[in-house]
Each structure stands twice: as structure tokens, then as C-alpha cells.
Amino acid sequence: MPADGPEVVWKAAVGSGLAGPAVAAGRVILFHRERDEAVLQAWSVADGKPLWRHTMPTDYRDDFGFDNGPRSTPTIHGGRVLVYGADGRLSCVEAATGSLAWTRDLAQEMGSPKGWFGRACAPLVAGDLVLVQVGGRWQGKPAGVAAFRMTDGSVAWTASGDEASYSSPVVMPFTAGPAAVIFTRKGVE
């Protein structure tokens, strides 16, 4: 390997953010921020050619001055890309085109609190549901965790009265079958 590191095959200028890239089906997808827009963007893995770009307005401001960009890595599943912005917006776009399938403003709809550093969990797809830590309430019930239908973003169920943490849910195999495990502000759910 050369002293200055591996050969750079391609690179792209991006905005601010703490989200990692996701890679699937020959695409690199990154969630970042440029000025007052959250940007979900795809490039060709092979040559860095821009494939699509989807923008959403955002007014999130980090109270500590670290970074105003998104924190959650995109989740790619079944031809769709899901992102959960620091501002509390959960969005689903088509992976092939970047066109919006649906979006939910969970800060507005469920009172998802900003917390210290904004919302940060990556959405988890479990079957036909998308799980995120909300830390709010839905129709008078606790919504520390909420599940949304992948097809249209409608609410399937909510659970837990815990505040959201910055970890992402995972699916674990158990004797009784797979279950989502979520590390909330208070502990493991």
C-alpha cells in the first residue's frame, strides 16, 4: 500500500452530518445536510456518478454547536431507503429514483423531544414494519418506540414510555422467535 494510503477511486463533496453511508445494489447512499436542507443522496459505487438527490427542509439546530446535520445512517430495504432526521422527520424514498414514498414529522405528530443532540437512531425494518425510537406519545398512549407500516408510513403500534436514546434498535433471535431489542434512555426494552 502506498505511504499516503489506498488509491482514491472517486470522491464527492457533501454537507455536514454524523451519519454513515449505506451501500446496496450498486449504490452508496448518504444522509447529510446542506444549509437548511436535509439531503439524501445516492452515487454509483463503481464510479461515483450521482444517481439521485432528495432534499427536505430542516430547521434543526444543535444546542451544543457540534453539528447540525443528521445523525442516523440510512436503512435500505426492499427497494426503499428510510431515514430519521435529527429534526424528527421519518422519511421513506424509492432506492432506484429518490422519489418520496412517504414521510412523518414525529416531532409534530408524536411530540418526539429533541433530547440533547437531536434524534439519532437508524430505522429498523422488521418484516413489513419500520421501528424507531420516538420518545413521545401517540393518541394519548406512550410512544417511546413506534412501528410504522413500510407500505404507507401509517402507525402499526407504539410501546414503552421511555425517552429515546441515541442507539438504533436491532432484531435478536430468541427461543420464542425473533424480537426487537431497543436500548432506551432508561435501559433495554
C-alpha atoms as a PDB file:
ATOM      1  CA  MET A   1       0.000   0.000   0.000  1.00  0.00           C
ATOM      2  CA  PRO A   2       1.324   3.478  -0.781  1.00  0.00           C
ATOM      3  CA  ALA A   3       2.534   5.560   2.188  1.00  0.00           C
ATOM      4  CA  ASP A   4      -0.293   8.056   1.657  1.00  0.00           C
ATOM      5  CA  GLY A   5      -2.976   5.336   1.840  1.00  0.00           C
ATOM      6  CA  PRO A   6      -5.079   3.448  -0.692  1.00  0.00           C
ATOM      7  CA  GLU A   7      -5.809   4.880  -4.120  1.00  0.00           C
ATOM      8  CA  VAL A   8      -8.847   7.190  -4.204  1.00  0.00           C
ATOM      9  CA  VAL A   9     -11.217   5.849  -6.850  1.00  0.00           C
ATOM     10  CA  TRP A  10     -13.763   8.652  -6.510  1.00  0.00           C
ATOM     11  CA  LYS A  11     -14.966  11.222  -4.000  1.00  0.00           C
ATOM     12  CA  ALA A  12     -17.894  13.586  -3.605  1.00  0.00           C
ATOM     13  CA  ALA A  13     -18.361  16.852  -1.738  1.00  0.00           C
ATOM     14  CA  VAL A  14     -21.053  16.550   0.932  1.00  0.00           C
ATOM     15  CA  GLY A  15     -22.523  18.716   3.655  1.00  0.00           C
ATOM     16  CA  SER A  16     -22.456  18.309   7.422  1.00  0.00           C
ATOM     17  CA  GLY A  17     -23.697  15.378   9.447  1.00  0.00           C
ATOM     18  CA  LEU A  18     -22.715  12.424  11.576  1.00  0.00           C
ATOM     19  CA  ALA A  19     -24.499   9.696   9.581  1.00  0.00           C
ATOM     20  CA  GLY A  20     -22.571   6.890   7.936  1.00  0.00           C
ATOM     21  CA  PRO A  21     -23.114   5.773   4.354  1.00  0.00           C
ATOM     22  CA  ALA A  22     -25.221   2.739   3.436  1.00  0.00           C
ATOM     23  CA  VAL A  23     -24.361   0.589   0.416  1.00  0.00           C
ATOM     24  CA  ALA A  24     -26.667  -1.723  -1.546  1.00  0.00           C
ATOM     25  CA  ALA A  25     -27.494  -2.639  -5.140  1.00  0.00           C
ATOM     26  CA  GLY A  26     -24.526  -0.738  -6.565  1.00  0.00           C
ATOM     27  CA  ARG A  27     -25.418   2.494  -4.752  1.00  0.00           C
ATOM     28  CA  VAL A  28     -23.754   4.457  -1.948  1.00  0.00           C
ATOM     29  CA  ILE A  29     -26.434   6.400  -0.080  1.00  0.00           C
ATOM     30  CA  LEU A  30     -25.648   9.173   2.398  1.00  0.00           C
ATOM     31  CA  PHE A  31     -27.863  11.365   4.572  1.00  0.00           C
ATOM     32  CA  HIS A  32     -26.286  14.792   5.114  1.00  0.00           C
ATOM     33  CA  ARG A  33     -27.161  18.459   5.403  1.00  0.00           C
ATOM     34  CA  GLU A  34     -26.580  21.473   3.198  1.00  0.00           C
ATOM     35  CA  ARG A  35     -27.692  24.820   4.615  1.00  0.00           C
ATOM     36  CA  ASP A  36     -31.357  24.361   5.680  1.00  0.00           C
ATOM     37  CA  GLU A  37     -31.960  21.125   3.800  1.00  0.00           C
ATOM     38  CA  ALA A  38     -31.551  17.515   4.865  1.00  0.00           C
ATOM     39  CA  VAL A  39     -30.178  15.733   1.802  1.00  0.00           C
ATOM     40  CA  LEU A  40     -30.482  12.059   0.968  1.00  0.00           C
ATOM     41  CA  GLN A  41     -28.181  11.343  -1.944  1.00  0.00           C
ATOM     42  CA  ALA A  42     -27.093   8.307  -3.996  1.00  0.00           C
ATOM     43  CA  TRP A  43     -23.966   7.698  -6.061  1.00  0.00           C
ATOM     44  CA  SER A  44     -22.800   4.756  -8.161  1.00  0.00           C
ATOM     45  CA  VAL A  45     -20.416   2.550  -6.157  1.00  0.00           C
ATOM     46  CA  ALA A  46     -18.343   1.885  -9.292  1.00  0.00           C
ATOM     47  CA  ASP A  47     -17.540   5.410 -10.403  1.00  0.00           C
ATOM     48  CA  GLY A  48     -19.165   7.939  -8.035  1.00  0.00           C
ATOM     49  CA  LYS A  49     -21.627   9.138 -10.662  1.00  0.00           C
ATOM     50  CA  PRO A  50     -24.533  10.948  -8.944  1.00  0.00           C
ATOM     51  CA  LEU A  51     -27.724   8.895  -9.316  1.00  0.00           C
ATOM     52  CA  TRP A  52     -30.308  10.948  -7.441  1.00  0.00           C
ATOM     53  CA  ARG A  53     -30.764  13.542  -4.729  1.00  0.00           C
ATOM     54  CA  HIS A  54     -33.782  14.065  -2.458  1.00  0.00           C
ATOM     55  CA  THR A  55     -33.986  17.168  -0.239  1.00  0.00           C
ATOM     56  CA  MET A  56     -36.203  18.003   2.726  1.00  0.00           C
ATOM     57  CA  PRO A  57     -36.337  21.296   4.641  1.00  0.00           C
ATOM     58  CA  THR A  58     -34.934  21.191   8.179  1.00  0.00           C
ATOM     59  CA  ASP A  59     -34.611  23.736  10.951  1.00  0.00           C
ATOM     60  CA  TYR A  60     -32.733  21.520  13.432  1.00  0.00           C
ATOM     61  CA  ARG A  61     -30.033  23.340  15.421  1.00  0.00           C
ATOM     62  CA  ASP A  62     -27.608  21.554  17.738  1.00  0.00           C
ATOM     63  CA  ASP A  63     -27.719  23.304  21.130  1.00  0.00           C
ATOM     64  CA  PHE A  64     -24.063  22.462  21.787  1.00  0.00           C
ATOM     65  CA  GLY A  65     -22.702  23.567  18.409  1.00  0.00           C
ATOM     66  CA  PHE A  66     -21.347  20.133  17.431  1.00  0.00           C
ATOM     67  CA  ASP A  67     -23.081  19.576  14.099  1.00  0.00           C
ATOM     68  CA  ASN A  68     -26.493  20.437  12.652  1.00  0.00           C
ATOM     69  CA  GLY A  69     -26.549  17.517  10.263  1.00  0.00           C
ATOM     70  CA  PRO A  70     -28.413  14.239  10.541  1.00  0.00           C
ATOM     71  CA  ARG A  71     -27.087  11.540  12.837  1.00  0.00           C
ATOM     72  CA  SER A  72     -28.764   8.353  11.582  1.00  0.00           C
ATOM     73  CA  THR A  73     -27.406   6.111   8.859  1.00  0.00           C
ATOM     74  CA  PRO A  74     -29.918   5.343   6.100  1.00  0.00           C
ATOM     75  CA  THR A  75     -31.613   1.936   6.173  1.00  0.00           C
ATOM     76  CA  ILE A  76     -32.035   0.238   2.794  1.00  0.00           C
ATOM     77  CA  HIS A  77     -34.643  -2.489   2.465  1.00  0.00           C
ATOM     78  CA  GLY A  78     -36.925  -3.850  -0.243  1.00  0.00           C
ATOM     79  CA  GLY A  79     -36.091  -1.169  -2.794  1.00  0.00           C
ATOM     80  CA  ARG A  80     -36.630   1.664  -0.322  1.00  0.00           C
ATOM     81  CA  VAL A  81     -34.430   3.914   1.817  1.00  0.00           C
ATOM     82  CA  LEU A  82     -35.525   5.060   5.275  1.00  0.00           C
ATOM     83  CA  VAL A  83     -34.023   7.945   7.231  1.00  0.00           C
ATOM     84  CA  TYR A  84     -34.786   9.532  10.579  1.00  0.00           C
ATOM     85  CA  GLY A  85     -33.592  13.136  10.742  1.00  0.00           C
ATOM     86  CA  ALA A  86     -32.265  14.950  13.789  1.00  0.00           C
ATOM     87  CA  ASP A  87     -35.367  17.157  13.446  1.00  0.00           C
ATOM     88  CA  GLY A  88     -37.678  14.145  13.989  1.00  0.00           C
ATOM     89  CA  ARG A  89     -38.765  13.559  10.393  1.00  0.00           C
ATOM     90  CA  LEU A  90     -39.017   9.880   9.354  1.00  0.00           C
ATOM     91  CA  SER A  91     -38.932   9.550   5.567  1.00  0.00           C
ATOM     92  CA  CYS A  92     -39.079   6.744   3.026  1.00  0.00           C
ATOM     93  CA  VAL A  93     -37.849   7.155  -0.561  1.00  0.00           C
ATOM     94  CA  GLU A  94     -37.567   4.804  -3.512  1.00  0.00           C
ATOM     95  CA  ALA A  95     -33.977   3.499  -3.749  1.00  0.00           C
ATOM     96  CA  ALA A  96     -33.942   3.485  -7.562  1.00  0.00           C
ATOM     97  CA  THR A  97     -35.106   7.080  -8.079  1.00  0.00           C
ATOM     98  CA  GLY A  98     -35.002   9.000  -4.779  1.00  0.00           C
ATOM     99  CA  SER A  99     -38.701   9.864  -5.107  1.00  0.00           C
ATOM    100  CA  LEU A 100     -40.586  10.271  -1.846  1.00  0.00           C
ATOM    101  CA  ALA A 101     -42.857   7.374  -0.869  1.00  0.00           C
ATOM    102  CA  TRP A 102     -43.985   8.850   2.489  1.00  0.00           C
ATOM    103  CA  THR A 103     -42.839  10.998   5.391  1.00  0.00           C
ATOM    104  CA  ARG A 104     -43.909  11.554   9.029  1.00  0.00           C
ATOM    105  CA  ASP A 105     -42.994  14.521  11.240  1.00  0.00           C
ATOM    106  CA  LEU A 106     -42.656  12.664  14.549  1.00  0.00           C
ATOM    107  CA  ALA A 107     -41.682  15.802  16.466  1.00  0.00           C
ATOM    108  CA  GLN A 108     -45.023  17.340  15.489  1.00  0.00           C
ATOM    109  CA  GLU A 109     -47.221  14.225  15.469  1.00  0.00           C
ATOM    110  CA  MET A 110     -45.861  12.375  18.496  1.00  0.00           C
ATOM    111  CA  GLY A 111     -44.054  15.074  20.443  1.00  0.00           C
ATOM    112  CA  SER A 112     -40.680  13.419  19.903  1.00  0.00           C
ATOM    113  CA  PRO A 113     -38.352  15.516  22.069  1.00  0.00           C
ATOM    114  CA  LYS A 114     -35.155  16.931  20.678  1.00  0.00           C
ATOM    115  CA  GLY A 115     -33.077  15.489  23.504  1.00  0.00           C
ATOM    116  CA  TRP A 116     -29.538  16.758  23.858  1.00  0.00           C
ATOM    117  CA  PHE A 117     -28.365  16.014  20.316  1.00  0.00           C
ATOM    118  CA  GLY A 118     -31.482  15.506  18.200  1.00  0.00           C
ATOM    119  CA  ARG A 119     -32.880  12.197  17.034  1.00  0.00           C
ATOM    120  CA  ALA A 120     -30.230   9.675  16.058  1.00  0.00           C
ATOM    121  CA  CYS A 121     -31.495   6.108  15.719  1.00  0.00           C
ATOM    122  CA  ALA A 122     -31.353   4.418  12.344  1.00  0.00           C
ATOM    123  CA  PRO A 123     -34.734   2.952  11.369  1.00  0.00           C
ATOM    124  CA  LEU A 124     -35.011  -0.826  11.771  1.00  0.00           C
ATOM    125  CA  VAL A 125     -37.045  -2.848   9.281  1.00  0.00           C
ATOM    126  CA  ALA A 126     -38.661  -5.923  10.840  1.00  0.00           C
ATOM    127  CA  GLY A 127     -40.949  -7.723   8.420  1.00  0.00           C
ATOM    128  CA  ASP A 128     -43.213  -5.053   6.950  1.00  0.00           C
ATOM    129  CA  LEU A 129     -42.659  -2.619   9.833  1.00  0.00           C
ATOM    130  CA  VAL A 130     -40.213   0.219  10.428  1.00  0.00           C
ATOM    131  CA  LEU A 131     -39.206   0.727  14.089  1.00  0.00           C
ATOM    132  CA  VAL A 132     -37.728   3.922  15.531  1.00  0.00           C
ATOM    133  CA  GLN A 133     -37.165   5.398  18.962  1.00  0.00           C
ATOM    134  CA  VAL A 134     -39.564   8.314  19.251  1.00  0.00           C
ATOM    135  CA  GLY A 135     -39.699   9.050  22.981  1.00  0.00           C
ATOM    136  CA  GLY A 136     -43.113  10.674  22.642  1.00  0.00           C
ATOM    137  CA  ARG A 137     -46.837   9.902  22.741  1.00  0.00           C
ATOM    138  CA  TRP A 138     -49.400   8.833  20.116  1.00  0.00           C
ATOM    139  CA  GLN A 139     -53.134   9.294  20.624  1.00  0.00           C
ATOM    140  CA  GLY A 140     -52.658   9.583  24.383  1.00  0.00           C
ATOM    141  CA  LYS A 141     -50.502   6.454  24.652  1.00  0.00           C
ATOM    142  CA  PRO A 142     -46.758   6.182  25.294  1.00  0.00           C
ATOM    143  CA  ALA A 143     -44.653   6.049  22.141  1.00  0.00           C
ATOM    144  CA  GLY A 144     -41.087   5.573  23.312  1.00  0.00           C
ATOM    145  CA  VAL A 145     -40.836   3.181  20.387  1.00  0.00           C
ATOM    146  CA  ALA A 146     -43.126   3.237  17.375  1.00  0.00           C
ATOM    147  CA  ALA A 147     -43.665   0.880  14.450  1.00  0.00           C
ATOM    148  CA  PHE A 148     -44.778   2.203  11.058  1.00  0.00           C
ATOM    149  CA  ARG A 149     -46.017   0.223   8.068  1.00  0.00           C
ATOM    150  CA  MET A 150     -43.413   0.145   5.316  1.00  0.00           C
ATOM    151  CA  THR A 151     -46.102   0.495   2.641  1.00  0.00           C
ATOM    152  CA  ASP A 152     -47.505   3.878   3.659  1.00  0.00           C
ATOM    153  CA  GLY A 153     -45.924   5.035   6.953  1.00  0.00           C
ATOM    154  CA  SER A 154     -49.109   4.543   8.966  1.00  0.00           C
ATOM    155  CA  VAL A 155     -48.712   3.736  12.675  1.00  0.00           C
ATOM    156  CA  ALA A 156     -48.919  -0.007  13.412  1.00  0.00           C
ATOM    157  CA  TRP A 157     -48.214   0.171  17.169  1.00  0.00           C
ATOM    158  CA  THR A 158     -46.411   2.046  19.903  1.00  0.00           C
ATOM    159  CA  ALA A 159     -44.768   0.811  23.100  1.00  0.00           C
ATOM    160  CA  SER A 160     -42.651   1.949  26.045  1.00  0.00           C
ATOM    161  CA  GLY A 161     -42.907   5.193  27.940  1.00  0.00           C
ATOM    162  CA  ASP A 162     -39.132   5.660  27.947  1.00  0.00           C
ATOM    163  CA  GLU A 163     -37.366   8.609  26.407  1.00  0.00           C
ATOM    164  CA  ALA A 164     -35.403   7.875  23.256  1.00  0.00           C
ATOM    165  CA  SER A 165     -31.667   7.262  23.421  1.00  0.00           C
ATOM    166  CA  TYR A 166     -29.179   7.540  20.576  1.00  0.00           C
ATOM    167  CA  SER A 167     -28.921   3.824  19.795  1.00  0.00           C
ATOM    168  CA  SER A 168     -30.627   2.002  16.959  1.00  0.00           C
ATOM    169  CA  PRO A 169     -32.957  -0.952  17.501  1.00  0.00           C
ATOM    170  CA  VAL A 170     -31.781  -4.438  16.487  1.00  0.00           C
ATOM    171  CA  VAL A 171     -33.515  -7.786  15.968  1.00  0.00           C
ATOM    172  CA  MET A 172     -32.259 -10.626  18.154  1.00  0.00           C
ATOM    173  CA  PRO A 173     -33.013 -14.346  17.840  1.00  0.00           C
ATOM    174  CA  PHE A 174     -34.699 -15.783  20.916  1.00  0.00           C
ATOM    175  CA  THR A 175     -36.111 -19.244  21.618  1.00  0.00           C
ATOM    176  CA  ALA A 176     -39.657 -17.924  21.246  1.00  0.00           C
ATOM    177  CA  GLY A 177     -38.710 -16.221  17.969  1.00  0.00           C
ATOM    178  CA  PRO A 178     -37.021 -13.016  16.848  1.00  0.00           C
ATOM    179  CA  ALA A 179     -37.701  -9.817  18.789  1.00  0.00           C
ATOM    180  CA  ALA A 180     -36.643  -6.195  18.539  1.00  0.00           C
ATOM    181  CA  VAL A 181     -34.266  -5.079  21.272  1.00  0.00           C
ATOM    182  CA  ILE A 182     -34.043  -1.359  21.958  1.00  0.00           C
ATOM    183  CA  PHE A 183     -31.707   0.457  24.321  1.00  0.00           C
ATOM    184  CA  THR A 184     -33.791   3.426  25.526  1.00  0.00           C
ATOM    185  CA  ARG A 185     -32.732   6.226  27.853  1.00  0.00           C
ATOM    186  CA  LYS A 186     -33.715   4.073  30.855  1.00  0.00           C
ATOM    187  CA  GLY A 187     -32.478   0.658  29.723  1.00  0.00           C
ATOM    188  CA  VAL A 188     -33.146  -2.272  27.425  1.00  0.00           C
ATOM    189  CA  GLU A 189     -36.691  -2.854  26.174  1.00  0.00           C
END
